[in-house]
PDB file of N, CA and C in Angstrom:
ATOM      1  N   UNK A   1      10.891  -5.663 -17.064  1.00  0.00           N
ATOM      2  CA  UNK A   1       9.569  -5.093 -17.074  1.00  0.00           C
ATOM      3  C   UNK A   1       9.056  -4.995 -18.503  1.00  0.00           C
ATOM      4  N   UNK A   2       7.776  -5.157 -18.599  1.00  0.00           N
ATOM      5  CA  UNK A   2       7.117  -5.033 -19.888  1.00  0.00           C
ATOM      6  C   UNK A   2       7.198  -3.583 -20.352  1.00  0.00           C
ATOM      7  N   UNK A   3       7.748  -3.335 -21.536  1.00  0.00           N
ATOM      8  CA  UNK A   3       7.865  -1.954 -22.026  1.00  0.00           C
ATOM      9  C   UNK A   3       6.505  -1.265 -22.169  1.00  0.00           C
ATOM     10  N   UNK A   4       5.441  -2.038 -22.356  1.00  0.00           N
ATOM     11  CA  UNK A   4       4.111  -1.433 -22.472  1.00  0.00           C
ATOM     12  C   UNK A   4       3.716  -0.703 -21.197  1.00  0.00           C
ATOM     13  N   UNK A   5       4.280  -1.098 -20.058  1.00  0.00           N
ATOM     14  CA  UNK A   5       3.989  -0.419 -18.798  1.00  0.00           C
ATOM     15  C   UNK A   5       4.368   1.050 -18.891  1.00  0.00           C
ATOM     16  N   UNK A   6       5.515   1.320 -19.482  1.00  0.00           N
ATOM     17  CA  UNK A   6       5.977   2.701 -19.596  1.00  0.00           C
ATOM     18  C   UNK A   6       5.058   3.502 -20.520  1.00  0.00           C
ATOM     19  N   UNK A   7       4.609   2.881 -21.593  1.00  0.00           N
ATOM     20  CA  UNK A   7       3.722   3.557 -22.537  1.00  0.00           C
ATOM     21  C   UNK A   7       2.406   3.899 -21.841  1.00  0.00           C
ATOM     22  N   UNK A   8       1.853   2.950 -21.080  1.00  0.00           N
ATOM     23  CA  UNK A   8       0.605   3.185 -20.359  1.00  0.00           C
ATOM     24  C   UNK A   8       0.790   4.285 -19.310  1.00  0.00           C
ATOM     25  N   UNK A   9       1.861   4.211 -18.531  1.00  0.00           N
ATOM     26  CA  UNK A   9       2.125   5.243 -17.521  1.00  0.00           C
ATOM     27  C   UNK A   9       2.228   6.623 -18.157  1.00  0.00           C
ATOM     28  N   UNK A  10       2.948   6.707 -19.261  1.00  0.00           N
ATOM     29  CA  UNK A  10       3.129   7.995 -19.947  1.00  0.00           C
ATOM     30  C   UNK A  10       1.784   8.549 -20.410  1.00  0.00           C
ATOM     31  N   UNK A  11       0.941   7.693 -20.963  1.00  0.00           N
ATOM     32  CA  UNK A  11      -0.375   8.136 -21.434  1.00  0.00           C
ATOM     33  C   UNK A  11      -1.228   8.639 -20.267  1.00  0.00           C
ATOM     34  N   UNK A  12      -1.194   7.930 -19.144  1.00  0.00           N
ATOM     35  CA  UNK A  12      -1.994   8.333 -17.982  1.00  0.00           C
ATOM     36  C   UNK A  12      -1.492   9.648 -17.378  1.00  0.00           C
ATOM     37  N   UNK A  13      -0.205   9.787 -17.256  1.00  0.00           N
ATOM     38  CA  UNK A  13       0.372  10.998 -16.668  1.00  0.00           C
ATOM     39  C   UNK A  13       0.091  12.222 -17.547  1.00  0.00           C
ATOM     40  N   UNK A  14      -0.008  12.017 -18.830  1.00  0.00           N
ATOM     41  CA  UNK A  14      -0.186  13.144 -19.755  1.00  0.00           C
ATOM     42  C   UNK A  14      -1.634  13.414 -20.148  1.00  0.00           C
ATOM     43  N   UNK A  15      -2.588  12.780 -19.492  1.00  0.00           N
ATOM     44  CA  UNK A  15      -3.988  13.063 -19.842  1.00  0.00           C
ATOM     45  C   UNK A  15      -4.364  14.479 -19.375  1.00  0.00           C
ATOM     46  N   UNK A  16      -5.326  15.107 -20.048  1.00  0.00           N
ATOM     47  CA  UNK A  16      -5.711  16.489 -19.706  1.00  0.00           C
ATOM     48  C   UNK A  16      -6.127  16.622 -18.241  1.00  0.00           C
ATOM     49  N   UNK A  17      -5.638  17.674 -17.602  1.00  0.00           N
ATOM     50  CA  UNK A  17      -5.992  17.960 -16.215  1.00  0.00           C
ATOM     51  C   UNK A  17      -5.147  17.250 -15.182  1.00  0.00           C
ATOM     52  N   UNK A  18      -4.372  16.260 -15.585  1.00  0.00           N
ATOM     53  CA  UNK A  18      -3.596  15.493 -14.607  1.00  0.00           C
ATOM     54  C   UNK A  18      -2.494  16.316 -13.927  1.00  0.00           C
ATOM     55  N   UNK A  19      -1.794  17.219 -14.623  1.00  0.00           N
ATOM     56  CA  UNK A  19      -0.778  18.009 -13.903  1.00  0.00           C
ATOM     57  C   UNK A  19      -1.368  18.772 -12.716  1.00  0.00           C
ATOM     58  N   UNK A  20      -2.561  19.342 -12.897  1.00  0.00           N
ATOM     59  CA  UNK A  20      -3.196  20.080 -11.807  1.00  0.00           C
ATOM     60  C   UNK A  20      -3.580  19.143 -10.657  1.00  0.00           C
ATOM     61  N   UNK A  21      -4.048  17.964 -11.002  1.00  0.00           N
ATOM     62  CA  UNK A  21      -4.410  16.974  -9.978  1.00  0.00           C
ATOM     63  C   UNK A  21      -3.165  16.572  -9.177  1.00  0.00           C
ATOM     64  N   UNK A  22      -2.071  16.332  -9.863  1.00  0.00           N
ATOM     65  CA  UNK A  22      -0.834  15.927  -9.191  1.00  0.00           C
ATOM     66  C   UNK A  22      -0.307  17.041  -8.282  1.00  0.00           C
ATOM     67  N   UNK A  23      -0.379  18.274  -8.754  1.00  0.00           N
ATOM     68  CA  UNK A  23       0.075  19.398  -7.924  1.00  0.00           C
ATOM     69  C   UNK A  23      -0.796  19.541  -6.676  1.00  0.00           C
ATOM     70  N   UNK A  24      -2.095  19.357  -6.815  1.00  0.00           N
ATOM     71  CA  UNK A  24      -2.992  19.421  -5.649  1.00  0.00           C
ATOM     72  C   UNK A  24      -2.660  18.309  -4.667  1.00  0.00           C
ATOM     73  N   UNK A  25      -2.357  17.131  -5.181  1.00  0.00           N
ATOM     74  CA  UNK A  25      -1.984  16.007  -4.319  1.00  0.00           C
ATOM     75  C   UNK A  25      -0.683  16.320  -3.574  1.00  0.00           C
ATOM     76  N   UNK A  26       0.301  16.852  -4.274  1.00  0.00           N
ATOM     77  CA  UNK A  26       1.571  17.208  -3.632  1.00  0.00           C
ATOM     78  C   UNK A  26       1.369  18.242  -2.531  1.00  0.00           C
ATOM     79  N   UNK A  27       0.532  19.258  -2.811  1.00  0.00           N
ATOM     80  CA  UNK A  27       0.253  20.275  -1.787  1.00  0.00           C
ATOM     81  C   UNK A  27      -0.449  19.660  -0.577  1.00  0.00           C
ATOM     82  N   UNK A  28      -1.280  18.654  -0.808  1.00  0.00           N
ATOM     83  CA  UNK A  28      -2.041  18.035   0.280  1.00  0.00           C
ATOM     84  C   UNK A  28      -1.157  17.181   1.199  1.00  0.00           C
ATOM     85  N   UNK A  29       0.002  16.736   0.722  1.00  0.00           N
ATOM     86  CA  UNK A  29       0.887  15.920   1.559  1.00  0.00           C
ATOM     87  C   UNK A  29       1.201  16.609   2.883  1.00  0.00           C
ATOM     88  N   UNK A  30       1.260  17.919   2.880  1.00  0.00           N
ATOM     89  CA  UNK A  30       1.597  18.665   4.099  1.00  0.00           C
ATOM     90  C   UNK A  30       0.547  18.490   5.197  1.00  0.00           C
ATOM     91  N   UNK A  31      -0.644  18.048   4.837  1.00  0.00           N
ATOM     92  CA  UNK A  31      -1.686  17.843   5.856  1.00  0.00           C
ATOM     93  C   UNK A  31      -1.513  16.520   6.593  1.00  0.00           C
ATOM     94  N   UNK A  32      -0.641  15.644   6.111  1.00  0.00           N
ATOM     95  CA  UNK A  32      -0.472  14.330   6.734  1.00  0.00           C
ATOM     96  C   UNK A  32       0.236  14.350   8.094  1.00  0.00           C
ATOM     97  N   UNK A  33       1.393  14.991   8.234  1.00  0.00           N
ATOM     98  CA  UNK A  33       2.115  14.905   9.511  1.00  0.00           C
ATOM     99  C   UNK A  33       1.302  15.253  10.757  1.00  0.00           C
ATOM    100  N   UNK A  34       0.436  16.260  10.726  1.00  0.00           N
ATOM    101  CA  UNK A  34      -0.341  16.525  11.940  1.00  0.00           C
ATOM    102  C   UNK A  34      -1.269  15.359  12.343  1.00  0.00           C
ATOM    103  N   UNK A  35      -1.566  14.489  11.402  1.00  0.00           N
ATOM    104  CA  UNK A  35      -2.436  13.340  11.694  1.00  0.00           C
ATOM    105  C   UNK A  35      -1.675  12.148  12.268  1.00  0.00           C
ATOM    106  N   UNK A  36      -0.360  12.136  12.162  1.00  0.00           N
ATOM    107  CA  UNK A  36       0.434  10.980  12.581  1.00  0.00           C
ATOM    108  C   UNK A  36       0.194  10.566  14.031  1.00  0.00           C
ATOM    109  N   UNK A  37       0.162  11.478  15.001  1.00  0.00           N
ATOM    110  CA  UNK A  37      -0.059  11.032  16.378  1.00  0.00           C
ATOM    111  C   UNK A  37      -1.372  10.251  16.546  1.00  0.00           C
ATOM    112  N   UNK A  38      -2.441  10.694  15.899  1.00  0.00           N
ATOM    113  CA  UNK A  38      -3.716   9.985  16.002  1.00  0.00           C
ATOM    114  C   UNK A  38      -3.644   8.620  15.325  1.00  0.00           C
ATOM    115  N   UNK A  39      -2.955   8.539  14.219  1.00  0.00           N
ATOM    116  CA  UNK A  39      -2.809   7.256  13.518  1.00  0.00           C
ATOM    117  C   UNK A  39      -2.010   6.282  14.389  1.00  0.00           C
ATOM    118  N   UNK A  40      -0.931   6.755  14.972  1.00  0.00           N
ATOM    119  CA  UNK A  40      -0.119   5.880  15.826  1.00  0.00           C
ATOM    120  C   UNK A  40      -0.885   5.457  17.072  1.00  0.00           C
ATOM    121  N   UNK A  41      -1.680   6.349  17.626  1.00  0.00           N
ATOM    122  CA  UNK A  41      -2.512   5.984  18.776  1.00  0.00           C
ATOM    123  C   UNK A  41      -3.520   4.904  18.375  1.00  0.00           C
ATOM    124  N   UNK A  42      -4.107   5.052  17.211  1.00  0.00           N
ATOM    125  CA  UNK A  42      -5.032   4.031  16.712  1.00  0.00           C
ATOM    126  C   UNK A  42      -4.327   2.682  16.586  1.00  0.00           C
ATOM    127  N   UNK A  43      -3.139   2.686  16.014  1.00  0.00           N
ATOM    128  CA  UNK A  43      -2.385   1.435  15.889  1.00  0.00           C
ATOM    129  C   UNK A  43      -2.165   0.806  17.266  1.00  0.00           C
ATOM    130  N   UNK A  44      -1.719   1.608  18.226  1.00  0.00           N
ATOM    131  CA  UNK A  44      -1.413   1.066  19.562  1.00  0.00           C
ATOM    132  C   UNK A  44      -2.649   0.498  20.249  1.00  0.00           C
ATOM    133  N   UNK A  45      -3.784   1.172  20.109  1.00  0.00           N
ATOM    134  CA  UNK A  45      -4.985   0.716  20.820  1.00  0.00           C
ATOM    135  C   UNK A  45      -5.727  -0.387  20.077  1.00  0.00           C
ATOM    136  N   UNK A  46      -5.705  -0.363  18.768  1.00  0.00           N
ATOM    137  CA  UNK A  46      -6.482  -1.350  17.999  1.00  0.00           C
ATOM    138  C   UNK A  46      -5.712  -2.635  17.717  1.00  0.00           C
ATOM    139  N   UNK A  47      -4.391  -2.509  17.569  1.00  0.00           N
ATOM    140  CA  UNK A  47      -3.563  -3.632  17.136  1.00  0.00           C
ATOM    141  C   UNK A  47      -4.130  -4.264  15.856  1.00  0.00           C
ATOM    142  N   UNK A  48      -4.569  -3.409  14.953  1.00  0.00           N
ATOM    143  CA  UNK A  48      -5.100  -3.825  13.670  1.00  0.00           C
ATOM    144  C   UNK A  48      -4.037  -4.618  12.904  1.00  0.00           C
ATOM    145  N   UNK A  49      -4.437  -5.673  12.195  1.00  0.00           N
ATOM    146  CA  UNK A  49      -3.455  -6.392  11.371  1.00  0.00           C
ATOM    147  C   UNK A  49      -2.893  -5.467  10.300  1.00  0.00           C
ATOM    148  N   UNK A  50      -1.600  -5.544  10.078  1.00  0.00           N
ATOM    149  CA  UNK A  50      -0.971  -4.668   9.098  1.00  0.00           C
ATOM    150  C   UNK A  50       0.049  -5.444   8.286  1.00  0.00           C
ATOM    151  N   UNK A  51      -0.013  -5.275   6.988  1.00  0.00           N
ATOM    152  CA  UNK A  51       0.962  -5.843   6.071  1.00  0.00           C
ATOM    153  C   UNK A  51       1.662  -4.687   5.381  1.00  0.00           C
ATOM    154  N   UNK A  52       2.982  -4.680   5.425  1.00  0.00           N
ATOM    155  CA  UNK A  52       3.784  -3.707   4.683  1.00  0.00           C
ATOM    156  C   UNK A  52       4.738  -4.489   3.789  1.00  0.00           C
ATOM    157  N   UNK A  53       4.538  -4.378   2.496  1.00  0.00           N
ATOM    158  CA  UNK A  53       5.457  -4.976   1.521  1.00  0.00           C
ATOM    159  C   UNK A  53       6.141  -3.803   0.852  1.00  0.00           C
ATOM    160  N   UNK A  54       7.439  -3.700   1.048  1.00  0.00           N
ATOM    161  CA  UNK A  54       8.191  -2.472   0.752  1.00  0.00           C
ATOM    162  C   UNK A  54       9.401  -2.802  -0.091  1.00  0.00           C
ATOM    163  N   UNK A  55       9.741  -1.919  -0.975  1.00  0.00           N
ATOM    164  CA  UNK A  55      10.962  -2.092  -1.754  1.00  0.00           C
ATOM    165  C   UNK A  55      12.181  -1.776  -0.904  1.00  0.00           C
ATOM    166  N   UNK A  56      13.092  -2.705  -0.828  1.00  0.00           N
ATOM    167  CA  UNK A  56      14.291  -2.475  -0.015  1.00  0.00           C
ATOM    168  C   UNK A  56      15.150  -1.358  -0.588  1.00  0.00           C
ATOM    169  N   UNK A  57      14.951  -1.053  -1.867  1.00  0.00           N
ATOM    170  CA  UNK A  57      15.695   0.030  -2.501  1.00  0.00           C
ATOM    171  C   UNK A  57      14.832   1.231  -2.827  1.00  0.00           C
ATOM    172  N   UNK A  58      13.686   1.365  -2.154  1.00  0.00           N
ATOM    173  CA  UNK A  58      12.779   2.485  -2.416  1.00  0.00           C
ATOM    174  C   UNK A  58      13.440   3.788  -1.983  1.00  0.00           C
ATOM    175  N   UNK A  59      13.653   4.683  -2.940  1.00  0.00           N
ATOM    176  CA  UNK A  59      14.299   5.964  -2.641  1.00  0.00           C
ATOM    177  C   UNK A  59      13.286   7.047  -2.277  1.00  0.00           C
ATOM    178  N   UNK A  60      11.988   6.742  -2.425  1.00  0.00           N
ATOM    179  CA  UNK A  60      10.958   7.723  -2.093  1.00  0.00           C
ATOM    180  C   UNK A  60      10.466   7.497  -0.671  1.00  0.00           C
ATOM    181  N   UNK A  61      10.135   6.247  -0.353  1.00  0.00           N
ATOM    182  CA  UNK A  61       9.731   5.875   1.001  1.00  0.00           C
ATOM    183  C   UNK A  61      10.741   4.846   1.492  1.00  0.00           C
ATOM    184  N   UNK A  62      11.686   5.273   2.289  1.00  0.00           N
ATOM    185  CA  UNK A  62      12.779   4.419   2.744  1.00  0.00           C
ATOM    186  C   UNK A  62      12.247   3.219   3.529  1.00  0.00           C
ATOM    187  N   UNK A  63      12.977   2.103   3.513  1.00  0.00           N
ATOM    188  CA  UNK A  63      12.561   0.915   4.253  1.00  0.00           C
ATOM    189  C   UNK A  63      12.302   1.167   5.738  1.00  0.00           C
ATOM    190  N   UNK A  64      12.943   2.158   6.312  1.00  0.00           N
ATOM    191  CA  UNK A  64      12.692   2.479   7.723  1.00  0.00           C
ATOM    192  C   UNK A  64      11.231   2.855   7.947  1.00  0.00           C
ATOM    193  N   UNK A  65      10.575   3.361   6.921  1.00  0.00           N
ATOM    194  CA  UNK A  65       9.156   3.664   7.025  1.00  0.00           C
ATOM    195  C   UNK A  65       8.318   2.418   7.232  1.00  0.00           C
ATOM    196  N   UNK A  66       8.723   1.325   6.641  1.00  0.00           N
ATOM    197  CA  UNK A  66       8.006   0.055   6.816  1.00  0.00           C
ATOM    198  C   UNK A  66       8.282  -0.534   8.191  1.00  0.00           C
ATOM    199  N   UNK A  67       9.543  -0.578   8.563  1.00  0.00           N
ATOM    200  CA  UNK A  67       9.888  -1.212   9.838  1.00  0.00           C
ATOM    201  C   UNK A  67       9.373  -0.412  11.032  1.00  0.00           C
ATOM    202  N   UNK A  68       9.108   0.880  10.827  1.00  0.00           N
ATOM    203  CA  UNK A  68       8.595   1.721  11.915  1.00  0.00           C
ATOM    204  C   UNK A  68       7.218   1.267  12.391  1.00  0.00           C
ATOM    205  N   UNK A  69       6.451   0.622  11.524  1.00  0.00           N
ATOM    206  CA  UNK A  69       5.134   0.131  11.944  1.00  0.00           C
ATOM    207  C   UNK A  69       5.229  -0.796  13.150  1.00  0.00           C
ATOM    208  N   UNK A  70       6.312  -1.527  13.257  1.00  0.00           N
ATOM    209  CA  UNK A  70       6.468  -2.512  14.335  1.00  0.00           C
ATOM    210  C   UNK A  70       6.546  -1.869  15.718  1.00  0.00           C
ATOM    211  N   UNK A  71       6.878  -0.591  15.793  1.00  0.00           N
ATOM    212  CA  UNK A  71       6.915   0.072  17.106  1.00  0.00           C
ATOM    213  C   UNK A  71       5.530   0.083  17.762  1.00  0.00           C
ATOM    214  N   UNK A  72       4.506   0.370  16.969  1.00  0.00           N
ATOM    215  CA  UNK A  72       3.146   0.420  17.489  1.00  0.00           C
ATOM    216  C   UNK A  72       2.379  -0.880  17.273  1.00  0.00           C
ATOM    217  N   UNK A  73       2.797  -1.644  16.303  1.00  0.00           N
ATOM    218  CA  UNK A  73       2.122  -2.898  15.965  1.00  0.00           C
ATOM    219  C   UNK A  73       3.153  -4.026  15.948  1.00  0.00           C
ATOM    220  N   UNK A  74       3.491  -4.572  17.108  1.00  0.00           N
ATOM    221  CA  UNK A  74       4.515  -5.615  17.160  1.00  0.00           C
ATOM    222  C   UNK A  74       4.199  -6.825  16.275  1.00  0.00           C
ATOM    223  N   UNK A  75       2.920  -7.058  15.998  1.00  0.00           N
ATOM    224  CA  UNK A  75       2.542  -8.176  15.136  1.00  0.00           C
ATOM    225  C   UNK A  75       2.491  -7.838  13.663  1.00  0.00           C
ATOM    226  N   UNK A  76       2.908  -6.631  13.298  1.00  0.00           N
ATOM    227  CA  UNK A  76       2.866  -6.230  11.887  1.00  0.00           C
ATOM    228  C   UNK A  76       3.704  -7.183  11.054  1.00  0.00           C
ATOM    229  N   UNK A  77       3.194  -7.497   9.883  1.00  0.00           N
ATOM    230  CA  UNK A  77       3.914  -8.357   8.949  1.00  0.00           C
ATOM    231  C   UNK A  77       4.623  -7.442   7.957  1.00  0.00           C
ATOM    232  N   UNK A  78       5.932  -7.415   8.021  1.00  0.00           N
ATOM    233  CA  UNK A  78       6.727  -6.485   7.216  1.00  0.00           C
ATOM    234  C   UNK A  78       7.695  -7.276   6.343  1.00  0.00           C
ATOM    235  N   UNK A  79       7.645  -6.995   5.058  1.00  0.00           N
ATOM    236  CA  UNK A  79       8.527  -7.675   4.106  1.00  0.00           C
ATOM    237  C   UNK A  79       9.249  -6.637   3.268  1.00  0.00           C
ATOM    238  N   UNK A  80      10.558  -6.660   3.306  1.00  0.00           N
ATOM    239  CA  UNK A  80      11.370  -5.815   2.432  1.00  0.00           C
ATOM    240  C   UNK A  80      11.763  -6.662   1.232  1.00  0.00           C
ATOM    241  N   UNK A  81      11.304  -6.240   0.073  1.00  0.00           N
ATOM    242  CA  UNK A  81      11.477  -7.000  -1.161  1.00  0.00           C
ATOM    243  C   UNK A  81      12.527  -6.315  -2.027  1.00  0.00           C
ATOM    244  N   UNK A  82      13.320  -7.112  -2.700  1.00  0.00           N
ATOM    245  CA  UNK A  82      14.332  -6.568  -3.601  1.00  0.00           C
ATOM    246  C   UNK A  82      13.640  -5.779  -4.702  1.00  0.00           C
ATOM    247  N   UNK A  83      13.720  -4.473  -4.617  1.00  0.00           N
ATOM    248  CA  UNK A  83      13.073  -3.625  -5.607  1.00  0.00           C
ATOM    249  C   UNK A  83      13.034  -2.194  -5.125  1.00  0.00           C
ATOM    250  N   UNK A  84      12.418  -1.366  -5.940  1.00  0.00           N
ATOM    251  CA  UNK A  84      12.329   0.053  -5.621  1.00  0.00           C
ATOM    252  C   UNK A  84      10.920   0.462  -5.262  1.00  0.00           C
ATOM    253  N   UNK A  85      10.531   1.649  -5.707  1.00  0.00           N
ATOM    254  CA  UNK A  85       9.251   2.236  -5.337  1.00  0.00           C
ATOM    255  C   UNK A  85       8.073   1.558  -6.045  1.00  0.00           C
ATOM    256  N   UNK A  86       8.281   1.034  -7.224  1.00  0.00           N
ATOM    257  CA  UNK A  86       7.190   0.463  -8.016  1.00  0.00           C
ATOM    258  C   UNK A  86       7.239  -1.063  -7.984  1.00  0.00           C
ATOM    259  N   UNK A  87       7.030  -1.619  -6.808  1.00  0.00           N
ATOM    260  CA  UNK A  87       7.139  -3.069  -6.630  1.00  0.00           C
ATOM    261  C   UNK A  87       6.139  -3.860  -7.458  1.00  0.00           C
ATOM    262  N   UNK A  88       4.966  -3.318  -7.697  1.00  0.00           N
ATOM    263  CA  UNK A  88       3.990  -4.062  -8.486  1.00  0.00           C
ATOM    264  C   UNK A  88       4.459  -4.230  -9.928  1.00  0.00           C
ATOM    265  N   UNK A  89       5.350  -3.383 -10.370  1.00  0.00           N
ATOM    266  CA  UNK A  89       5.904  -3.537 -11.703  1.00  0.00           C
ATOM    267  C   UNK A  89       7.117  -4.461 -11.711  1.00  0.00           C
ATOM    268  N   UNK A  90       7.886  -4.458 -10.636  1.00  0.00           N
ATOM    269  CA  UNK A  90       9.131  -5.231 -10.640  1.00  0.00           C
ATOM    270  C   UNK A  90       9.053  -6.537  -9.856  1.00  0.00           C
ATOM    271  N   UNK A  91       8.074  -6.679  -8.971  1.00  0.00           N
ATOM    272  CA  UNK A  91       7.996  -7.897  -8.141  1.00  0.00           C
ATOM    273  C   UNK A  91       6.536  -8.285  -7.883  1.00  0.00           C
ATOM    274  N   UNK A  92       5.712  -8.240  -8.933  1.00  0.00           N
ATOM    275  CA  UNK A  92       4.277  -8.486  -8.787  1.00  0.00           C
ATOM    276  C   UNK A  92       3.975  -9.827  -8.131  1.00  0.00           C
ATOM    277  N   UNK A  93       4.605 -10.889  -8.587  1.00  0.00           N
ATOM    278  CA  UNK A  93       4.307 -12.210  -8.035  1.00  0.00           C
ATOM    279  C   UNK A  93       4.657 -12.300  -6.552  1.00  0.00           C
ATOM    280  N   UNK A  94       5.765 -11.698  -6.167  1.00  0.00           N
ATOM    281  CA  UNK A  94       6.177 -11.714  -4.763  1.00  0.00           C
ATOM    282  C   UNK A  94       5.183 -10.936  -3.904  1.00  0.00           C
ATOM    283  N   UNK A  95       4.840  -9.738  -4.340  1.00  0.00           N
ATOM    284  CA  UNK A  95       3.900  -8.908  -3.587  1.00  0.00           C
ATOM    285  C   UNK A  95       2.544  -9.606  -3.499  1.00  0.00           C
ATOM    286  N   UNK A  96       2.076 -10.139  -4.614  1.00  0.00           N
ATOM    287  CA  UNK A  96       0.791 -10.827  -4.637  1.00  0.00           C
ATOM    288  C   UNK A  96       0.781 -11.999  -3.663  1.00  0.00           C
ATOM    289  N   UNK A  97       1.863 -12.730  -3.601  1.00  0.00           N
ATOM    290  CA  UNK A  97       1.955 -13.852  -2.658  1.00  0.00           C
ATOM    291  C   UNK A  97       1.825 -13.395  -1.213  1.00  0.00           C
ATOM    292  N   UNK A  98       2.505 -12.308  -0.876  1.00  0.00           N
ATOM    293  CA  UNK A  98       2.399 -11.779   0.493  1.00  0.00           C
ATOM    294  C   UNK A  98       0.980 -11.293   0.800  1.00  0.00           C
ATOM    295  N   UNK A  99       0.358 -10.600  -0.149  1.00  0.00           N
ATOM    296  CA  UNK A  99      -0.991 -10.083   0.077  1.00  0.00           C
ATOM    297  C   UNK A  99      -1.979 -11.227   0.241  1.00  0.00           C
ATOM    298  N   UNK A 100      -1.909 -12.202  -0.633  1.00  0.00           N
ATOM    299  CA  UNK A 100      -2.833 -13.343  -0.529  1.00  0.00           C
ATOM    300  C   UNK A 100      -2.638 -14.093   0.783  1.00  0.00           C
ATOM    301  N   UNK A 101      -1.400 -14.320   1.161  1.00  0.00           N
ATOM    302  CA  UNK A 101      -1.130 -15.011   2.420  1.00  0.00           C
ATOM    303  C   UNK A 101      -1.663 -14.237   3.610  1.00  0.00           C
ATOM    304  N   UNK A 102      -1.423 -12.937   3.617  1.00  0.00           N
ATOM    305  CA  UNK A 102      -1.882 -12.078   4.709  1.00  0.00           C
ATOM    306  C   UNK A 102      -3.403 -12.096   4.809  1.00  0.00           C
ATOM    307  N   UNK A 103      -4.071 -11.910   3.683  1.00  0.00           N
ATOM    308  CA  UNK A 103      -5.538 -11.910   3.702  1.00  0.00           C
ATOM    309  C   UNK A 103      -6.084 -13.268   4.121  1.00  0.00           C
ATOM    310  N   UNK A 104      -5.440 -14.331   3.681  1.00  0.00           N
ATOM    311  CA  UNK A 104      -5.875 -15.668   4.075  1.00  0.00           C
ATOM    312  C   UNK A 104      -5.749 -15.907   5.573  1.00  0.00           C
ATOM    313  N   UNK A 105      -4.745 -15.284   6.187  1.00  0.00           N
ATOM    314  CA  UNK A 105      -4.540 -15.459   7.630  1.00  0.00           C
ATOM    315  C   UNK A 105      -5.370 -14.498   8.471  1.00  0.00           C
ATOM    316  N   UNK A 106      -5.749 -13.350   7.913  1.00  0.00           N
ATOM    317  CA  UNK A 106      -6.372 -12.324   8.749  1.00  0.00           C
ATOM    318  C   UNK A 106      -7.862 -12.118   8.505  1.00  0.00           C
ATOM    319  N   UNK A 107      -8.354 -12.456   7.330  1.00  0.00           N
ATOM    320  CA  UNK A 107      -9.781 -12.269   7.077  1.00  0.00           C
ATOM    321  C   UNK A 107     -10.578 -13.394   7.720  1.00  0.00           C
ATOM    322  N   UNK A 108     -11.672 -13.022   8.332  1.00  0.00           N
ATOM    323  CA  UNK A 108     -12.593 -13.985   8.925  1.00  0.00           C
ATOM    324  C   UNK A 108     -13.653 -14.291   7.872  1.00  0.00           C
ATOM    325  N   UNK A 109     -13.645 -15.506   7.293  1.00  0.00           N
ATOM    326  CA  UNK A 109     -14.614 -15.815   6.244  1.00  0.00           C
ATOM    327  C   UNK A 109     -16.059 -15.626   6.706  1.00  0.00           C
ATOM    328  N   UNK A 110     -16.323 -15.783   7.995  1.00  0.00           N
ATOM    329  CA  UNK A 110     -17.677 -15.611   8.509  1.00  0.00           C
ATOM    330  C   UNK A 110     -18.109 -14.146   8.455  1.00  0.00           C
ATOM    331  N   UNK A 111     -17.140 -13.220   8.440  1.00  0.00           N
ATOM    332  CA  UNK A 111     -17.460 -11.781   8.434  1.00  0.00           C
ATOM    333  C   UNK A 111     -17.237 -11.144   7.077  1.00  0.00           C
ATOM    334  N   UNK A 112     -16.728 -11.893   6.115  1.00  0.00           N
ATOM    335  CA  UNK A 112     -16.463 -11.343   4.797  1.00  0.00           C
ATOM    336  C   UNK A 112     -17.721 -11.456   3.950  1.00  0.00           C
ATOM    337  N   UNK A 113     -18.267 -10.319   3.481  1.00  0.00           N
ATOM    338  CA  UNK A 113     -19.502 -10.392   2.683  1.00  0.00           C
ATOM    339  C   UNK A 113     -19.278 -11.085   1.362  1.00  0.00           C
ATOM    340  N   UNK A 114     -20.286 -11.791   0.928  1.00  0.00           N
ATOM    341  CA  UNK A 114     -20.227 -12.460  -0.372  1.00  0.00           C
ATOM    342  C   UNK A 114     -20.440 -11.429  -1.467  1.00  0.00           C
ATOM    343  N   UNK A 115     -20.157 -11.836  -2.705  1.00  0.00           N
ATOM    344  CA  UNK A 115     -20.401 -10.945  -3.844  1.00  0.00           C
ATOM    345  C   UNK A 115     -21.877 -10.568  -3.899  1.00  0.00           C
ATOM    346  N   UNK A 116     -22.762 -11.515  -3.598  1.00  0.00           N
ATOM    347  CA  UNK A 116     -24.198 -11.232  -3.621  1.00  0.00           C
ATOM    348  C   UNK A 116     -24.562 -10.173  -2.573  1.00  0.00           C
ATOM    349  N   UNK A 117     -23.976 -10.266  -1.367  1.00  0.00           N
ATOM    350  CA  UNK A 117     -24.248  -9.301  -0.303  1.00  0.00           C
ATOM    351  C   UNK A 117     -23.733  -7.908  -0.672  1.00  0.00           C
ATOM    352  N   UNK A 118     -22.711  -7.856  -1.483  1.00  0.00           N
ATOM    353  CA  UNK A 118     -22.150  -6.578  -1.929  1.00  0.00           C
ATOM    354  C   UNK A 118     -22.915  -6.003  -3.123  1.00  0.00           C
ATOM    355  N   UNK A 119     -23.948  -6.749  -3.540  1.00  0.00           N
ATOM    356  CA  UNK A 119     -24.739  -6.275  -4.676  1.00  0.00           C
ATOM    357  C   UNK A 119     -24.157  -6.637  -6.015  1.00  0.00           C
ATOM    358  N   UNK A 120     -23.227  -7.590  -6.023  1.00  0.00           N
ATOM    359  CA  UNK A 120     -22.622  -8.036  -7.259  1.00  0.00           C
ATOM    360  C   UNK A 120     -23.070  -9.460  -7.522  1.00  0.00           C
ATOM    361  N   UNK A 121     -23.219  -9.792  -8.758  1.00  0.00           N
ATOM    362  CA  UNK A 121     -23.576 -11.178  -9.062  1.00  0.00           C
ATOM    363  C   UNK A 121     -22.311 -12.003  -9.099  1.00  0.00           C
ATOM    364  N   UNK A 122     -22.352 -13.210  -8.566  1.00  0.00           N
ATOM    365  CA  UNK A 122     -21.135 -14.050  -8.563  1.00  0.00           C
ATOM    366  C   UNK A 122     -20.729 -14.509  -9.947  1.00  0.00           C
TER     367      UNK A 122
END
């Protein structure tokens, strides 16, 4: 990994007000579990396309969290990649390949707005 990544992360984590923001985020995690039944029901009824690219060695969100999507979404695309929690730092090219492939297979170009339609100049 590029050592500059650590310097950037350290600077961002230590900016004024960030400790309070992080603590508020941690406290808010407790509001998630009551929403799980509705999320799983949505998955079962919608069969929305889902891509999960997960670190096989993630100690924060275990790989079982990724494979669990398949219970409600049998067509879910799940990839366990050699890495931990910060896959974009350790396996960027691999993750990017999966994301690009998934979007290429699931996005309908006829329904995807152009940059001009989004109010951006091409």
